[in-house]
Amino acid sequence: MKVATLATARKRTTLIYRMVIWIQDYVNDGQEAYDEHHRKRTLRYVNGNAMEFGYLVLQKAATPESIPTPTSPG
């Protein structure tokens, strides 16, 4: 828990430092951008661990059955 608190404090301090020194505005990319970044980071982590054991992780191709269909309100 202490490491997570320290990491968060460092991240916020770095953000404030950049805003003050380089006169940059704070830009919030939103939840979707964060989710995409988290997904990519997680996939990189999983692929790295799989490679250590000699496995290759492939992304499943989207098939018509796996794509959700919209339902009409009713």
C-alpha atoms as a PDB file:
ATOM      1  CA  MET A   1       0.000   0.000   0.000  1.00  0.00           C
ATOM      2  CA  LYS A   2       2.857   2.362   0.809  1.00  0.00           C
ATOM      3  CA  VAL A   3       4.394   1.829  -2.642  1.00  0.00           C
ATOM      4  CA  ALA A   4       1.106   2.616  -4.375  1.00  0.00           C
ATOM      5  CA  THR A   5       0.715   5.817  -2.371  1.00  0.00           C
ATOM      6  CA  LEU A   6       4.251   6.864  -3.226  1.00  0.00           C
ATOM      7  CA  ALA A   7       3.706   6.106  -6.921  1.00  0.00           C
ATOM      8  CA  THR A   8       0.508   8.164  -6.992  1.00  0.00           C
ATOM      9  CA  ALA A   9       2.196  11.060  -5.210  1.00  0.00           C
ATOM     10  CA  ARG A  10       5.081  10.982  -7.690  1.00  0.00           C
ATOM     11  CA  LYS A  11       2.732  10.901 -10.664  1.00  0.00           C
ATOM     12  CA  ARG A  12       0.770  13.907  -9.400  1.00  0.00           C
ATOM     13  CA  THR A  13       3.928  15.797  -8.482  1.00  0.00           C
ATOM     14  CA  THR A  14       5.350  15.203 -11.962  1.00  0.00           C
ATOM     15  CA  LEU A  15       2.103  16.430 -13.504  1.00  0.00           C
ATOM     16  CA  ILE A  16       2.158  19.626 -11.446  1.00  0.00           C
ATOM     17  CA  TYR A  17       5.855  20.176 -12.173  1.00  0.00           C
ATOM     18  CA  ARG A  18       5.258  19.954 -15.923  1.00  0.00           C
ATOM     19  CA  MET A  19       2.314  22.331 -15.680  1.00  0.00           C
ATOM     20  CA  VAL A  20       4.353  24.925 -13.768  1.00  0.00           C
ATOM     21  CA  ILE A  21       7.721  24.667 -15.509  1.00  0.00           C
ATOM     22  CA  TRP A  22       6.627  24.163 -19.109  1.00  0.00           C
ATOM     23  CA  ILE A  23       3.279  25.962 -18.787  1.00  0.00           C
ATOM     24  CA  GLN A  24       1.334  22.987 -20.044  1.00  0.00           C
ATOM     25  CA  ASP A  25      -2.389  22.593 -19.574  1.00  0.00           C
ATOM     26  CA  TYR A  26      -3.811  19.535 -17.883  1.00  0.00           C
ATOM     27  CA  VAL A  27      -5.503  17.330 -20.454  1.00  0.00           C
ATOM     28  CA  ASN A  28      -7.840  14.622 -19.283  1.00  0.00           C
ATOM     29  CA  ASP A  29      -8.116  12.044 -22.058  1.00  0.00           C
ATOM     30  CA  GLY A  30     -11.160  10.434 -20.490  1.00  0.00           C
ATOM     31  CA  GLN A  31     -12.107   6.980 -19.314  1.00  0.00           C
ATOM     32  CA  GLU A  32     -12.044   5.389 -22.769  1.00  0.00           C
ATOM     33  CA  ALA A  33      -8.435   6.414 -23.366  1.00  0.00           C
ATOM     34  CA  TYR A  34      -7.460   5.107 -19.920  1.00  0.00           C
ATOM     35  CA  ASP A  35      -9.241   1.805 -20.558  1.00  0.00           C
ATOM     36  CA  GLU A  36      -7.483   1.378 -23.912  1.00  0.00           C
ATOM     37  CA  HIS A  37      -4.092   2.142 -22.344  1.00  0.00           C
ATOM     38  CA  HIS A  38      -4.814  -0.322 -19.514  1.00  0.00           C
ATOM     39  CA  ARG A  39      -5.883  -3.020 -21.997  1.00  0.00           C
ATOM     40  CA  LYS A  40      -2.671  -2.611 -24.027  1.00  0.00           C
ATOM     41  CA  ARG A  41      -0.511  -2.647 -20.902  1.00  0.00           C
ATOM     42  CA  THR A  42      -2.251  -5.787 -19.628  1.00  0.00           C
ATOM     43  CA  LEU A  43      -1.836  -7.564 -22.970  1.00  0.00           C
ATOM     44  CA  ARG A  44       1.870  -6.666 -23.036  1.00  0.00           C
ATOM     45  CA  TYR A  45       2.241  -8.079 -19.511  1.00  0.00           C
ATOM     46  CA  VAL A  46       0.381 -11.309 -20.337  1.00  0.00           C
ATOM     47  CA  ASN A  47       2.316 -11.810 -23.576  1.00  0.00           C
ATOM     48  CA  GLY A  48       5.624 -11.280 -21.773  1.00  0.00           C
ATOM     49  CA  ASN A  49       4.766 -13.848 -19.130  1.00  0.00           C
ATOM     50  CA  ALA A  50       3.539 -16.341 -21.728  1.00  0.00           C
ATOM     51  CA  MET A  51       6.768 -15.984 -23.710  1.00  0.00           C
ATOM     52  CA  GLU A  52       8.785 -16.852 -20.599  1.00  0.00           C
ATOM     53  CA  PHE A  53       7.065 -20.245 -20.596  1.00  0.00           C
ATOM     54  CA  GLY A  54       7.356 -20.717 -24.345  1.00  0.00           C
ATOM     55  CA  TYR A  55       3.765 -19.857 -25.241  1.00  0.00           C
ATOM     56  CA  LEU A  56       2.404 -17.482 -27.840  1.00  0.00           C
ATOM     57  CA  VAL A  57      -0.842 -15.625 -27.131  1.00  0.00           C
ATOM     58  CA  LEU A  58      -2.968 -14.793 -30.155  1.00  0.00           C
ATOM     59  CA  GLN A  59      -5.958 -12.486 -30.217  1.00  0.00           C
ATOM     60  CA  LYS A  60      -9.209 -14.184 -31.098  1.00  0.00           C
ATOM     61  CA  ALA A  61     -10.666 -12.971 -34.383  1.00  0.00           C
ATOM     62  CA  ALA A  62     -14.088 -11.386 -34.213  1.00  0.00           C
ATOM     63  CA  THR A  63     -16.713 -13.732 -35.575  1.00  0.00           C
ATOM     64  CA  PRO A  64     -20.328 -12.818 -36.296  1.00  0.00           C
ATOM     65  CA  GLU A  65     -21.387 -14.869 -33.264  1.00  0.00           C
ATOM     66  CA  SER A  66     -19.095 -12.921 -30.916  1.00  0.00           C
ATOM     67  CA  ILE A  67     -20.336  -9.480 -32.009  1.00  0.00           C
ATOM     68  CA  PRO A  68     -23.313  -8.403 -29.880  1.00  0.00           C
ATOM     69  CA  THR A  69     -26.412  -7.413 -31.789  1.00  0.00           C
ATOM     70  CA  PRO A  70     -28.431  -4.409 -30.680  1.00  0.00           C
ATOM     71  CA  THR A  71     -31.833  -5.169 -29.236  1.00  0.00           C
ATOM     72  CA  SER A  72     -34.859  -3.038 -29.855  1.00  0.00           C
ATOM     73  CA  PRO A  73     -36.434  -1.368 -26.817  1.00  0.00           C
ATOM     74  CA  GLY A  74     -39.583  -2.934 -26.032  1.00  0.00           C
END
